[in-house]
Amino acid sequence: MRIKDDEMLRELGIEIRSRRKALRMTQEKLADEVGVTFKHVSDIERGRTSLSAILLVRIATALKVTPNDLLNFGEAAKDSHDPRILSEKLLGLLKGKPKLQVELIRRLVEEVAKLLK
């Protein structure tokens, strides 16, 4: 099954945001390091704009990863057990969802965590 372009951009944005936050880096700092505006970084992280290969390399370098690490969102990433990255990805996926759905997912995660102890 082919991933739609907008879905791919959204997933890439979530991956970039997760890794940036794991480094405790602000959008402004990332923008300064890669030579774009804060708004451009924000748009990338929300999946609202595409980016060039050159900018992808700059972002990856600033985040201390490879471009492949950022594009590997469809497969199990090597650091997929990092709780900070996992929590950021979950937050990204839940953003904009109704409160009732978010609460249901929170409860499900809590129950699964209890079963795994």
PDB file of N, CA and C in Angstrom:
ATOM      1  N   MET A   1       0.842  -1.187   0.000  1.00  0.00           N
ATOM      2  CA  MET A   1       0.000   0.000   0.000  1.00  0.00           C
ATOM      3  C   MET A   1       0.882   1.244   0.000  1.00  0.00           C
ATOM      4  N   ARG A   2       0.556   2.180  -0.836  1.00  0.00           N
ATOM      5  CA  ARG A   2       1.337   3.401  -0.980  1.00  0.00           C
ATOM      6  C   ARG A   2       0.893   4.437   0.050  1.00  0.00           C
ATOM      7  N   ILE A   3       1.877   5.025   0.722  1.00  0.00           N
ATOM      8  CA  ILE A   3       1.576   6.074   1.698  1.00  0.00           C
ATOM      9  C   ILE A   3       1.326   7.378   0.946  1.00  0.00           C
ATOM     10  N   LYS A   4       0.289   8.085   1.321  1.00  0.00           N
ATOM     11  CA  LYS A   4      -0.013   9.376   0.699  1.00  0.00           C
ATOM     12  C   LYS A   4       1.044  10.393   1.098  1.00  0.00           C
ATOM     13  N   ASP A   5       1.266  11.360   0.206  1.00  0.00           N
ATOM     14  CA  ASP A   5       2.279  12.382   0.463  1.00  0.00           C
ATOM     15  C   ASP A   5       2.020  13.135   1.759  1.00  0.00           C
ATOM     16  N   ASP A   6       0.763  13.535   1.993  1.00  0.00           N
ATOM     17  CA  ASP A   6       0.472  14.302   3.205  1.00  0.00           C
ATOM     18  C   ASP A   6       0.690  13.473   4.464  1.00  0.00           C
ATOM     19  N   GLU A   7       0.395  12.177   4.384  1.00  0.00           N
ATOM     20  CA  GLU A   7       0.634  11.285   5.522  1.00  0.00           C
ATOM     21  C   GLU A   7       2.136  11.147   5.774  1.00  0.00           C
ATOM     22  N   MET A   8       2.900  11.036   4.700  1.00  0.00           N
ATOM     23  CA  MET A   8       4.349  10.911   4.827  1.00  0.00           C
ATOM     24  C   MET A   8       4.948  12.177   5.452  1.00  0.00           C
ATOM     25  N   LEU A   9       4.476  13.336   5.011  1.00  0.00           N
ATOM     26  CA  LEU A   9       4.973  14.594   5.575  1.00  0.00           C
ATOM     27  C   LEU A   9       4.608  14.712   7.052  1.00  0.00           C
ATOM     28  N   ARG A  10       3.408  14.272   7.405  1.00  0.00           N
ATOM     29  CA  ARG A  10       2.980  14.328   8.808  1.00  0.00           C
ATOM     30  C   ARG A  10       3.858  13.420   9.663  1.00  0.00           C
ATOM     31  N   GLU A  11       4.125  12.210   9.194  1.00  0.00           N
ATOM     32  CA  GLU A  11       4.973  11.274   9.938  1.00  0.00           C
ATOM     33  C   GLU A  11       6.402  11.798  10.063  1.00  0.00           C
ATOM     34  N   LEU A  12       6.925  12.372   8.990  1.00  0.00           N
ATOM     35  CA  LEU A  12       8.269  12.951   9.040  1.00  0.00           C
ATOM     36  C   LEU A  12       8.304  14.091  10.051  1.00  0.00           C
ATOM     37  N   GLY A  13       7.277  14.926  10.052  1.00  0.00           N
ATOM     38  CA  GLY A  13       7.202  16.022  11.007  1.00  0.00           C
ATOM     39  C   GLY A  13       7.170  15.541  12.443  1.00  0.00           C
ATOM     40  N   ILE A  14       6.411  14.481  12.690  1.00  0.00           N
ATOM     41  CA  ILE A  14       6.347  13.904  14.039  1.00  0.00           C
ATOM     42  C   ILE A  14       7.718  13.389  14.447  1.00  0.00           C
ATOM     43  N   GLU A  15       8.407  12.744  13.526  1.00  0.00           N
ATOM     44  CA  GLU A  15       9.741  12.208  13.812  1.00  0.00           C
ATOM     45  C   GLU A  15      10.725  13.334  14.133  1.00  0.00           C
ATOM     46  N   ILE A  16      10.695  14.400  13.345  1.00  0.00           N
ATOM     47  CA  ILE A  16      11.590  15.537  13.582  1.00  0.00           C
ATOM     48  C   ILE A  16      11.281  16.170  14.933  1.00  0.00           C
ATOM     49  N   ARG A  17      10.003  16.411  15.213  1.00  0.00           N
ATOM     50  CA  ARG A  17       9.612  17.013  16.492  1.00  0.00           C
ATOM     51  C   ARG A  17      10.047  16.138  17.668  1.00  0.00           C
ATOM     52  N   SER A  18       9.825  14.839  17.559  1.00  0.00           N
ATOM     53  CA  SER A  18      10.191  13.916  18.643  1.00  0.00           C
ATOM     54  C   SER A  18      11.677  13.981  18.947  1.00  0.00           C
ATOM     55  N   ARG A  19      12.467  13.950  17.914  1.00  0.00           N
ATOM     56  CA  ARG A  19      13.921  13.960  18.116  1.00  0.00           C
ATOM     57  C   ARG A  19      14.405  15.323  18.614  1.00  0.00           C
ATOM     58  N   ARG A  20      13.784  16.392  18.128  1.00  0.00           N
ATOM     59  CA  ARG A  20      14.157  17.731  18.598  1.00  0.00           C
ATOM     60  C   ARG A  20      13.845  17.863  20.084  1.00  0.00           C
ATOM     61  N   LYS A  21      12.651  17.443  20.480  1.00  0.00           N
ATOM     62  CA  LYS A  21      12.264  17.554  21.886  1.00  0.00           C
ATOM     63  C   LYS A  21      13.091  16.633  22.776  1.00  0.00           C
ATOM     64  N   ALA A  22      13.470  15.470  22.255  1.00  0.00           N
ATOM     65  CA  ALA A  22      14.318  14.559  23.035  1.00  0.00           C
ATOM     66  C   ALA A  22      15.664  15.208  23.351  1.00  0.00           C
ATOM     67  N   LEU A  23      16.107  16.105  22.474  1.00  0.00           N
ATOM     68  CA  LEU A  23      17.353  16.848  22.708  1.00  0.00           C
ATOM     69  C   LEU A  23      17.107  18.137  23.498  1.00  0.00           C
ATOM     70  N   ARG A  24      15.861  18.374  23.874  1.00  0.00           N
ATOM     71  CA  ARG A  24      15.461  19.604  24.577  1.00  0.00           C
ATOM     72  C   ARG A  24      15.839  20.851  23.765  1.00  0.00           C
ATOM     73  N   MET A  25      15.634  20.749  22.472  1.00  0.00           N
ATOM     74  CA  MET A  25      15.946  21.838  21.553  1.00  0.00           C
ATOM     75  C   MET A  25      14.642  22.536  21.163  1.00  0.00           C
ATOM     76  N   THR A  26      14.662  23.855  21.123  1.00  0.00           N
ATOM     77  CA  THR A  26      13.482  24.602  20.706  1.00  0.00           C
ATOM     78  C   THR A  26      13.408  24.655  19.181  1.00  0.00           C
ATOM     79  N   GLN A  27      12.230  24.990  18.683  1.00  0.00           N
ATOM     80  CA  GLN A  27      12.080  25.178  17.241  1.00  0.00           C
ATOM     81  C   GLN A  27      12.956  26.331  16.765  1.00  0.00           C
ATOM     82  N   GLU A  28      13.073  27.355  17.582  1.00  0.00           N
ATOM     83  CA  GLU A  28      13.902  28.501  17.219  1.00  0.00           C
ATOM     84  C   GLU A  28      15.366  28.098  17.071  1.00  0.00           C
ATOM     85  N   LYS A  29      15.851  27.294  17.999  1.00  0.00           N
ATOM     86  CA  LYS A  29      17.243  26.837  17.958  1.00  0.00           C
ATOM     87  C   LYS A  29      17.486  25.983  16.717  1.00  0.00           C
ATOM     88  N   LEU A  30      16.573  25.062  16.430  1.00  0.00           N
ATOM     89  CA  LEU A  30      16.712  24.226  15.238  1.00  0.00           C
ATOM     90  C   LEU A  30      16.693  25.091  13.981  1.00  0.00           C
ATOM     91  N   ALA A  31      15.780  26.050  13.934  1.00  0.00           N
ATOM     92  CA  ALA A  31      15.699  26.947  12.779  1.00  0.00           C
ATOM     93  C   ALA A  31      17.011  27.691  12.571  1.00  0.00           C
ATOM     94  N   ASP A  32      17.589  28.212  13.654  1.00  0.00           N
ATOM     95  CA  ASP A  32      18.874  28.913  13.563  1.00  0.00           C
ATOM     96  C   ASP A  32      19.971  27.997  13.039  1.00  0.00           C
ATOM     97  N   GLU A  33      19.999  26.768  13.532  1.00  0.00           N
ATOM     98  CA  GLU A  33      21.059  25.833  13.143  1.00  0.00           C
ATOM     99  C   GLU A  33      20.973  25.408  11.683  1.00  0.00           C
ATOM    100  N   VAL A  34      19.765  25.355  11.134  1.00  0.00           N
ATOM    101  CA  VAL A  34      19.627  24.882   9.752  1.00  0.00           C
ATOM    102  C   VAL A  34      19.390  26.006   8.749  1.00  0.00           C
ATOM    103  N   GLY A  35      19.265  27.243   9.240  1.00  0.00           N
ATOM    104  CA  GLY A  35      19.160  28.391   8.348  1.00  0.00           C
ATOM    105  C   GLY A  35      17.788  28.640   7.749  1.00  0.00           C
ATOM    106  N   VAL A  36      16.745  28.363   8.529  1.00  0.00           N
ATOM    107  CA  VAL A  36      15.382  28.662   8.085  1.00  0.00           C
ATOM    108  C   VAL A  36      14.670  29.428   9.195  1.00  0.00           C
ATOM    109  N   THR A  37      13.441  29.831   8.932  1.00  0.00           N
ATOM    110  CA  THR A  37      12.675  30.547   9.950  1.00  0.00           C
ATOM    111  C   THR A  37      12.028  29.567  10.925  1.00  0.00           C
ATOM    112  N   PHE A  38      11.677  30.095  12.078  1.00  0.00           N
ATOM    113  CA  PHE A  38      10.947  29.317  13.082  1.00  0.00           C
ATOM    114  C   PHE A  38       9.651  28.781  12.485  1.00  0.00           C
ATOM    115  N   LYS A  39       8.951  29.614  11.703  1.00  0.00           N
ATOM    116  CA  LYS A  39       7.680  29.206  11.101  1.00  0.00           C
ATOM    117  C   LYS A  39       7.878  28.036  10.148  1.00  0.00           C
ATOM    118  N   HIS A  40       8.983  28.035   9.411  1.00  0.00           N
ATOM    119  CA  HIS A  40       9.239  26.930   8.481  1.00  0.00           C
ATOM    120  C   HIS A  40       9.423  25.616   9.249  1.00  0.00           C
ATOM    121  N   VAL A  41      10.162  25.661  10.343  1.00  0.00           N
ATOM    122  CA  VAL A  41      10.330  24.462  11.180  1.00  0.00           C
ATOM    123  C   VAL A  41       8.971  24.016  11.714  1.00  0.00           C
ATOM    124  N   SER A  42       8.178  24.963  12.177  1.00  0.00           N
ATOM    125  CA  SER A  42       6.847  24.644  12.688  1.00  0.00           C
ATOM    126  C   SER A  42       5.992  23.974  11.611  1.00  0.00           C
ATOM    127  N   ASP A  43       6.018  24.519  10.407  1.00  0.00           N
ATOM    128  CA  ASP A  43       5.245  23.942   9.301  1.00  0.00           C
ATOM    129  C   ASP A  43       5.728  22.539   8.945  1.00  0.00           C
ATOM    130  N   ILE A  44       7.039  22.325   8.976  1.00  0.00           N
ATOM    131  CA  ILE A  44       7.595  20.992   8.699  1.00  0.00           C
ATOM    132  C   ILE A  44       7.118  20.004   9.758  1.00  0.00           C
ATOM    133  N   GLU A  45       7.207  20.399  11.021  1.00  0.00           N
ATOM    134  CA  GLU A  45       6.818  19.502  12.111  1.00  0.00           C
ATOM    135  C   GLU A  45       5.332  19.174  12.095  1.00  0.00           C
ATOM    136  N   ARG A  46       4.524  20.048  11.538  1.00  0.00           N
ATOM    137  CA  ARG A  46       3.084  19.789  11.445  1.00  0.00           C
ATOM    138  C   ARG A  46       2.706  19.113  10.132  1.00  0.00           C
ATOM    139  N   GLY A  47       3.713  18.843   9.295  1.00  0.00           N
ATOM    140  CA  GLY A  47       3.456  18.171   8.025  1.00  0.00           C
ATOM    141  C   GLY A  47       2.765  19.044   7.009  1.00  0.00           C
ATOM    142  N   ARG A  48       2.914  20.348   7.146  1.00  0.00           N
ATOM    143  CA  ARG A  48       2.221  21.285   6.261  1.00  0.00           C
ATOM    144  C   ARG A  48       3.061  21.741   5.079  1.00  0.00           C
ATOM    145  N   THR A  49       4.329  21.354   5.061  1.00  0.00           N
ATOM    146  CA  THR A  49       5.188  21.739   3.944  1.00  0.00           C
ATOM    147  C   THR A  49       6.225  20.655   3.706  1.00  0.00           C
ATOM    148  N   SER A  50       6.651  20.554   2.478  1.00  0.00           N
ATOM    149  CA  SER A  50       7.698  19.582   2.161  1.00  0.00           C
ATOM    150  C   SER A  50       9.053  20.255   2.358  1.00  0.00           C
ATOM    151  N   LEU A  51      10.107  19.461   2.279  1.00  0.00           N
ATOM    152  CA  LEU A  51      11.433  20.021   2.443  1.00  0.00           C
ATOM    153  C   LEU A  51      12.384  19.371   1.457  1.00  0.00           C
ATOM    154  N   SER A  52      13.427  20.099   1.119  1.00  0.00           N
ATOM    155  CA  SER A  52      14.416  19.592   0.170  1.00  0.00           C
ATOM    156  C   SER A  52      15.309  18.565   0.845  1.00  0.00           C
ATOM    157  N   ALA A  53      16.004  17.803   0.023  1.00  0.00           N
ATOM    158  CA  ALA A  53      16.963  16.824   0.548  1.00  0.00           C
ATOM    159  C   ALA A  53      18.057  17.533   1.335  1.00  0.00           C
ATOM    160  N   ILE A  54      18.464  18.692   0.870  1.00  0.00           N
ATOM    161  CA  ILE A  54      19.519  19.455   1.557  1.00  0.00           C
ATOM    162  C   ILE A  54      19.051  19.865   2.946  1.00  0.00           C
ATOM    163  N   LEU A  55      17.821  20.362   3.049  1.00  0.00           N
ATOM    164  CA  LEU A  55      17.299  20.762   4.358  1.00  0.00           C
ATOM    165  C   LEU A  55      17.125  19.542   5.262  1.00  0.00           C
ATOM    166  N   LEU A  56      16.715  18.427   4.701  1.00  0.00           N
ATOM    167  CA  LEU A  56      16.591  17.199   5.488  1.00  0.00           C
ATOM    168  C   LEU A  56      17.941  16.809   6.089  1.00  0.00           C
ATOM    169  N   VAL A  57      18.997  16.910   5.303  1.00  0.00           N
ATOM    170  CA  VAL A  57      20.347  16.594   5.798  1.00  0.00           C
ATOM    171  C   VAL A  57      20.748  17.571   6.893  1.00  0.00           C
ATOM    172  N   ARG A  58      20.466  18.858   6.698  1.00  0.00           N
ATOM    173  CA  ARG A  58      20.795  19.863   7.726  1.00  0.00           C
ATOM    174  C   ARG A  58      20.051  19.587   9.029  1.00  0.00           C
ATOM    175  N   ILE A  59      18.773  19.274   8.920  1.00  0.00           N
ATOM    176  CA  ILE A  59      17.976  18.981  10.116  1.00  0.00           C
ATOM    177  C   ILE A  59      18.517  17.739  10.816  1.00  0.00           C
ATOM    178  N   ALA A  60      18.789  16.697  10.051  1.00  0.00           N
ATOM    179  CA  ALA A  60      19.325  15.465  10.641  1.00  0.00           C
ATOM    180  C   ALA A  60      20.633  15.741  11.368  1.00  0.00           C
ATOM    181  N   THR A  61      21.508  16.517  10.753  1.00  0.00           N
ATOM    182  CA  THR A  61      22.792  16.854  11.374  1.00  0.00           C
ATOM    183  C   THR A  61      22.574  17.608  12.679  1.00  0.00           C
ATOM    184  N   ALA A  62      21.672  18.583  12.665  1.00  0.00           N
ATOM    185  CA  ALA A  62      21.385  19.361  13.877  1.00  0.00           C
ATOM    186  C   ALA A  62      20.805  18.478  14.979  1.00  0.00           C
ATOM    187  N   LEU A  63      20.066  17.444  14.589  1.00  0.00           N
ATOM    188  CA  LEU A  63      19.442  16.548  15.566  1.00  0.00           C
ATOM    189  C   LEU A  63      20.329  15.356  15.911  1.00  0.00           C
ATOM    190  N   LYS A  64      21.545  15.355  15.353  1.00  0.00           N
ATOM    191  CA  LYS A  64      22.543  14.310  15.648  1.00  0.00           C
ATOM    192  C   LYS A  64      22.076  12.915  15.233  1.00  0.00           C
ATOM    193  N   VAL A  65      21.406  12.855  14.087  1.00  0.00           N
ATOM    194  CA  VAL A  65      20.967  11.586  13.509  1.00  0.00           C
ATOM    195  C   VAL A  65      21.268  11.613  12.010  1.00  0.00           C
ATOM    196  N   THR A  66      20.991  10.534  11.333  1.00  0.00           N
ATOM    197  CA  THR A  66      21.144  10.508   9.881  1.00  0.00           C
ATOM    198  C   THR A  66      19.798  10.815   9.234  1.00  0.00           C
ATOM    199  N   PRO A  67      19.806  11.252   7.978  1.00  0.00           N
ATOM    200  CA  PRO A  67      18.529  11.447   7.286  1.00  0.00           C
ATOM    201  C   PRO A  67      17.701  10.161   7.266  1.00  0.00           C
ATOM    202  N   ASN A  68      18.371   9.024   7.142  1.00  0.00           N
ATOM    203  CA  ASN A  68      17.660   7.745   7.150  1.00  0.00           C
ATOM    204  C   ASN A  68      16.922   7.523   8.470  1.00  0.00           C
ATOM    205  N   ASP A  69      17.524   7.962   9.582  1.00  0.00           N
ATOM    206  CA  ASP A  69      16.843   7.839  10.879  1.00  0.00           C
ATOM    207  C   ASP A  69      15.521   8.609  10.867  1.00  0.00           C
ATOM    208  N   LEU A  70      15.516   9.773  10.232  1.00  0.00           N
ATOM    209  CA  LEU A  70      14.296  10.576  10.175  1.00  0.00           C
ATOM    210  C   LEU A  70      13.272   9.972   9.223  1.00  0.00           C
ATOM    211  N   LEU A  71      13.743   9.337   8.170  1.00  0.00           N
ATOM    212  CA  LEU A  71      12.841   8.765   7.171  1.00  0.00           C
ATOM    213  C   LEU A  71      12.417   7.345   7.498  1.00  0.00           C
ATOM    214  N   ASN A  72      12.948   6.804   8.559  1.00  0.00           N
ATOM    215  CA  ASN A  72      12.685   5.422   8.931  1.00  0.00           C
ATOM    216  C   ASN A  72      11.441   5.291   9.802  1.00  0.00           C
ATOM    217  N   PHE A  73      10.529   6.273   9.726  1.00  0.00           N
ATOM    218  CA  PHE A  73       9.367   6.282  10.599  1.00  0.00           C
ATOM    219  C   PHE A  73       8.401   5.139  10.318  1.00  0.00           C
ATOM    220  N   GLY A  74       8.450   4.545   9.153  1.00  0.00           N
ATOM    221  CA  GLY A  74       7.544   3.450   8.830  1.00  0.00           C
ATOM    222  C   GLY A  74       7.996   2.113   9.376  1.00  0.00           C
ATOM    223  N   GLU A  75       9.233   2.032   9.831  1.00  0.00           N
ATOM    224  CA  GLU A  75       9.790   0.790  10.360  1.00  0.00           C
ATOM    225  C   GLU A  75      10.185   1.011  11.809  1.00  0.00           C
ATOM    226  N   ALA A  76      10.525  -0.064  12.488  1.00  0.00           N
ATOM    227  CA  ALA A  76      10.954   0.049  13.886  1.00  0.00           C
ATOM    228  C   ALA A  76      12.305   0.740  13.926  1.00  0.00           C
ATOM    229  N   ALA A  77      12.355   1.903  14.515  1.00  0.00           N
ATOM    230  CA  ALA A  77      13.613   2.635  14.631  1.00  0.00           C
ATOM    231  C   ALA A  77      14.466   2.008  15.719  1.00  0.00           C
ATOM    232  N   LYS A  78      15.774   2.197  15.592  1.00  0.00           N
ATOM    233  CA  LYS A  78      16.672   1.559  16.559  1.00  0.00           C
ATOM    234  C   LYS A  78      16.479   2.098  17.965  1.00  0.00           C
ATOM    235  N   ASP A  79      15.977   3.308  18.097  1.00  0.00           N
ATOM    236  CA  ASP A  79      15.761   3.870  19.431  1.00  0.00           C
ATOM    237  C   ASP A  79      14.270   3.905  19.775  1.00  0.00           C
ATOM    238  N   SER A  80      13.507   2.997  19.212  1.00  0.00           N
ATOM    239  CA  SER A  80      12.061   3.015  19.427  1.00  0.00           C
ATOM    240  C   SER A  80      11.677   2.722  20.875  1.00  0.00           C
ATOM    241  N   HIS A  81      12.638   2.349  21.694  1.00  0.00           N
ATOM    242  CA  HIS A  81      12.352   2.098  23.107  1.00  0.00           C
ATOM    243  C   HIS A  81      12.691   3.305  23.983  1.00  0.00           C
ATOM    244  N   ASP A  82      13.147   4.373  23.382  1.00  0.00           N
ATOM    245  CA  ASP A  82      13.446   5.594  24.132  1.00  0.00           C
ATOM    246  C   ASP A  82      12.115   6.211  24.559  1.00  0.00           C
ATOM    247  N   PRO A  83      11.825   6.248  25.873  1.00  0.00           N
ATOM    248  CA  PRO A  83      10.519   6.737  26.330  1.00  0.00           C
ATOM    249  C   PRO A  83      10.222   8.171  25.913  1.00  0.00           C
ATOM    250  N   ARG A  84      11.252   9.013  25.816  1.00  0.00           N
ATOM    251  CA  ARG A  84      11.005  10.401  25.411  1.00  0.00           C
ATOM    252  C   ARG A  84      10.508  10.463  23.974  1.00  0.00           C
ATOM    253  N   ILE A  85      11.147   9.691  23.098  1.00  0.00           N
ATOM    254  CA  ILE A  85      10.740   9.697  21.696  1.00  0.00           C
ATOM    255  C   ILE A  85       9.369   9.053  21.541  1.00  0.00           C
ATOM    256  N   LEU A  86       9.138   7.964  22.253  1.00  0.00           N
ATOM    257  CA  LEU A  86       7.829   7.314  22.190  1.00  0.00           C
ATOM    258  C   LEU A  86       6.717   8.250  22.657  1.00  0.00           C
ATOM    259  N   SER A  87       6.953   8.946  23.753  1.00  0.00           N
ATOM    260  CA  SER A  87       5.903   9.835  24.271  1.00  0.00           C
ATOM    261  C   SER A  87       5.639  10.990  23.316  1.00  0.00           C
ATOM    262  N   GLU A  88       6.686  11.520  22.702  1.00  0.00           N
ATOM    263  CA  GLU A  88       6.490  12.607  21.738  1.00  0.00           C
ATOM    264  C   GLU A  88       5.721  12.121  20.513  1.00  0.00           C
ATOM    265  N   LYS A  89       6.015  10.910  20.063  1.00  0.00           N
ATOM    266  CA  LYS A  89       5.284  10.360  18.918  1.00  0.00           C
ATOM    267  C   LYS A  89       3.814  10.160  19.266  1.00  0.00           C
ATOM    268  N   LEU A  90       3.558   9.634  20.460  1.00  0.00           N
ATOM    269  CA  LEU A  90       2.169   9.445  20.884  1.00  0.00           C
ATOM    270  C   LEU A  90       1.438  10.775  20.984  1.00  0.00           C
ATOM    271  N   LEU A  91       2.098  11.769  21.551  1.00  0.00           N
ATOM    272  CA  LEU A  91       1.472  13.087  21.659  1.00  0.00           C
ATOM    273  C   LEU A  91       1.165  13.653  20.280  1.00  0.00           C
ATOM    274  N   GLY A  92       2.086  13.469  19.360  1.00  0.00           N
ATOM    275  CA  GLY A  92       1.865  13.945  17.999  1.00  0.00           C
ATOM    276  C   GLY A  92       0.680  13.267  17.334  1.00  0.00           C
ATOM    277  N   LEU A  93       0.548  11.979  17.559  1.00  0.00           N
ATOM    278  CA  LEU A  93      -0.568  11.240  16.970  1.00  0.00           C
ATOM    279  C   LEU A  93      -1.906  11.618  17.596  1.00  0.00           C
ATOM    280  N   LEU A  94      -1.893  12.001  18.873  1.00  0.00           N
ATOM    281  CA  LEU A  94      -3.133  12.323  19.579  1.00  0.00           C
ATOM    282  C   LEU A  94      -3.540  13.787  19.459  1.00  0.00           C
ATOM    283  N   LYS A  95      -2.626  14.614  18.984  1.00  0.00           N
ATOM    284  CA  LYS A  95      -2.909  16.049  18.902  1.00  0.00           C
ATOM    285  C   LYS A  95      -4.136  16.299  18.020  1.00  0.00           C
ATOM    286  N   GLY A  96      -5.052  17.070  18.553  1.00  0.00           N
ATOM    287  CA  GLY A  96      -6.252  17.429  17.810  1.00  0.00           C
ATOM    288  C   GLY A  96      -7.391  16.426  17.912  1.00  0.00           C
ATOM    289  N   LYS A  97      -7.147  15.324  18.595  1.00  0.00           N
ATOM    290  CA  LYS A  97      -8.197  14.317  18.758  1.00  0.00           C
ATOM    291  C   LYS A  97      -9.128  14.747  19.897  1.00  0.00           C
ATOM    292  N   PRO A  98     -10.382  14.309  19.862  1.00  0.00           N
ATOM    293  CA  PRO A  98     -11.321  14.648  20.941  1.00  0.00           C
ATOM    294  C   PRO A  98     -10.827  14.129  22.293  1.00  0.00           C
ATOM    295  N   LYS A  99     -11.158  14.874  23.349  1.00  0.00           N
ATOM    296  CA  LYS A  99     -10.711  14.518  24.703  1.00  0.00           C
ATOM    297  C   LYS A  99     -11.114  13.102  25.091  1.00  0.00           C
ATOM    298  N   LEU A 100     -12.297  12.692  24.692  1.00  0.00           N
ATOM    299  CA  LEU A 100     -12.783  11.359  25.039  1.00  0.00           C
ATOM    300  C   LEU A 100     -11.888  10.272  24.428  1.00  0.00           C
ATOM    301  N   GLN A 101     -11.475  10.461  23.187  1.00  0.00           N
ATOM    302  CA  GLN A 101     -10.587   9.491  22.543  1.00  0.00           C
ATOM    303  C   GLN A 101      -9.223   9.461  23.227  1.00  0.00           C
ATOM    304  N   VAL A 102      -8.701  10.624  23.562  1.00  0.00           N
ATOM    305  CA  VAL A 102      -7.401  10.698  24.233  1.00  0.00           C
ATOM    306  C   VAL A 102      -7.473  10.001  25.587  1.00  0.00           C
ATOM    307  N   GLU A 103      -8.550  10.230  26.317  1.00  0.00           N
ATOM    308  CA  GLU A 103      -8.723   9.592  27.625  1.00  0.00           C
ATOM    309  C   GLU A 103      -8.817   8.078  27.481  1.00  0.00           C
ATOM    310  N   LEU A 104      -9.534   7.609  26.487  1.00  0.00           N
ATOM    311  CA  LEU A 104      -9.648   6.174  26.242  1.00  0.00           C
ATOM    312  C   LEU A 104      -8.274   5.566  25.949  1.00  0.00           C
ATOM    313  N   ILE A 105      -7.495   6.221  25.133  1.00  0.00           N
ATOM    314  CA  ILE A 105      -6.160   5.715  24.799  1.00  0.00           C
ATOM    315  C   ILE A 105      -5.259   5.737  26.026  1.00  0.00           C
ATOM    316  N   ARG A 106      -5.359   6.788  26.849  1.00  0.00           N
ATOM    317  CA  ARG A 106      -4.564   6.844  28.076  1.00  0.00           C
ATOM    318  C   ARG A 106      -4.875   5.649  28.970  1.00  0.00           C
ATOM    319  N   ARG A 107      -6.160   5.358  29.131  1.00  0.00           N
ATOM    320  CA  ARG A 107      -6.565   4.221  29.972  1.00  0.00           C
ATOM    321  C   ARG A 107      -6.079   2.893  29.396  1.00  0.00           C
ATOM    322  N   LEU A 108      -6.166   2.758  28.084  1.00  0.00           N
ATOM    323  CA  LEU A 108      -5.676   1.536  27.442  1.00  0.00           C
ATOM    324  C   LEU A 108      -4.182   1.346  27.675  1.00  0.00           C
ATOM    325  N   VAL A 109      -3.425   2.415  27.535  1.00  0.00           N
ATOM    326  CA  VAL A 109      -1.976   2.343  27.749  1.00  0.00           C
ATOM    327  C   VAL A 109      -1.676   1.975  29.197  1.00  0.00           C
ATOM    328  N   GLU A 110      -2.404   2.562  30.139  1.00  0.00           N
ATOM    329  CA  GLU A 110      -2.204   2.222  31.552  1.00  0.00           C
ATOM    330  C   GLU A 110      -2.484   0.747  31.814  1.00  0.00           C
ATOM    331  N   GLU A 111      -3.555   0.223  31.235  1.00  0.00           N
ATOM    332  CA  GLU A 111      -3.899  -1.187  31.439  1.00  0.00           C
ATOM    333  C   GLU A 111      -2.856  -2.112  30.812  1.00  0.00           C
ATOM    334  N   VAL A 112      -2.397  -1.771  29.633  1.00  0.00           N
ATOM    335  CA  VAL A 112      -1.355  -2.580  28.988  1.00  0.00           C
ATOM    336  C   VAL A 112      -0.079  -2.543  29.818  1.00  0.00           C
ATOM    337  N   ALA A 113       0.272  -1.367  30.335  1.00  0.00           N
ATOM    338  CA  ALA A 113       1.476  -1.244  31.169  1.00  0.00           C
ATOM    339  C   ALA A 113       1.367  -2.127  32.412  1.00  0.00           C
ATOM    340  N   LYS A 114       0.182  -2.201  33.008  1.00  0.00           N
ATOM    341  CA  LYS A 114      -0.021  -3.064  34.181  1.00  0.00           C
ATOM    342  C   LYS A 114       0.191  -4.531  33.815  1.00  0.00           C
ATOM    343  N   LEU A 115      -0.292  -4.920  32.653  1.00  0.00           N
ATOM    344  CA  LEU A 115      -0.148  -6.309  32.211  1.00  0.00           C
ATOM    345  C   LEU A 115       1.309  -6.681  31.936  1.00  0.00           C
ATOM    346  N   LEU A 116       2.099  -5.700  31.568  1.00  0.00           N
ATOM    347  CA  LEU A 116       3.499  -5.951  31.219  1.00  0.00           C
ATOM    348  C   LEU A 116       4.423  -5.982  32.424  1.00  0.00           C
ATOM    349  N   LYS A 117       3.928  -5.630  33.607  1.00  0.00           N
ATOM    350  CA  LYS A 117       4.773  -5.612  34.813  1.00  0.00           C
ATOM    351  C   LYS A 117       5.103  -6.993  35.274  1.00  0.00           C
TER     352      LYS A 117
END
